[in-house]
């Protein structure tokens, strides 16, 4: 395990590090799936760019301006087969972020055996909703960050990170409203950065646990002082290049020139330690942050 200070990571608690896997530490089959997602992402972006469009612009089309706190598009985007849901919005000013996506899965996608113990304020059963990750976007429609948040922020049904990691691959929106390319792009983005999202969710649970220890007798999940548990800057091209490099370094040739996969390297996951703590007014990546 190597220690690294990463300027693109911030945590609600300075003593809660983020553990991210390196591309080389992932199984070859998963790297291949992530590269497939990267190719899908690129296809969607290319299709939009050829028409002079971008992912976010398609969500704002037909609206009279872009207003803080409003959900775009109206009524959110739902996929009634996968029970995935998302919306885009903004509500604070800051540097770099135009707005962000919130992504969810609804109750029908969650097996009844995986329902958490009921709490009065949590949506139960078919009404259950789980927040997967927030995706920060810049003004040109490019993703610049991921963030995880506390329960009260999205009024979700709370699931621990091990369960959320099994639900993450179920997020898929593949219909044409409001834009087919944007829907497929967001689906592919969550697949491509699955390892990062899993790390943020694990970190989220660590922050909640540590917060509870420091504030005995208080409900950490409802504490308005704790909003964003952690955020991480992302770069699609850098991550794709890391995946390609790791895949190339694992390939060798067996008898008669057949391609084989070499044993995985023993690189340890990186630990991104918190360069600073974040508090109530933390804004994930910029203009108009969300929760």
Foldseek 3Di string as FASTA:
>chain_A
DDEDADPQKAFQDQFQWFWFAFLLVDDLVLLVVLLVLLVLLVVLQVVQVVVPHALVRLQCPPPPDADAPAWTPPPFDADPVLQKTKTWHFHAFFPFFPTKMWIKHFQVNDDPVQQDPDDPQAQDHRRAMDTQWMWTAGPVRHTWKIFDWFCVQVSHRDDQLVVSLVSQLSDADQDQVPHRSSRSNVNSVSSNCVSVSSRNRNSQVVQLVVVCVVVPPDRSSPDLFTTIRMMGTDDSVVSSVSSVVSSVVQWDADPPRHIDGHPRDPDGTYIHRHPDHDTNPDAHGGGGRGD
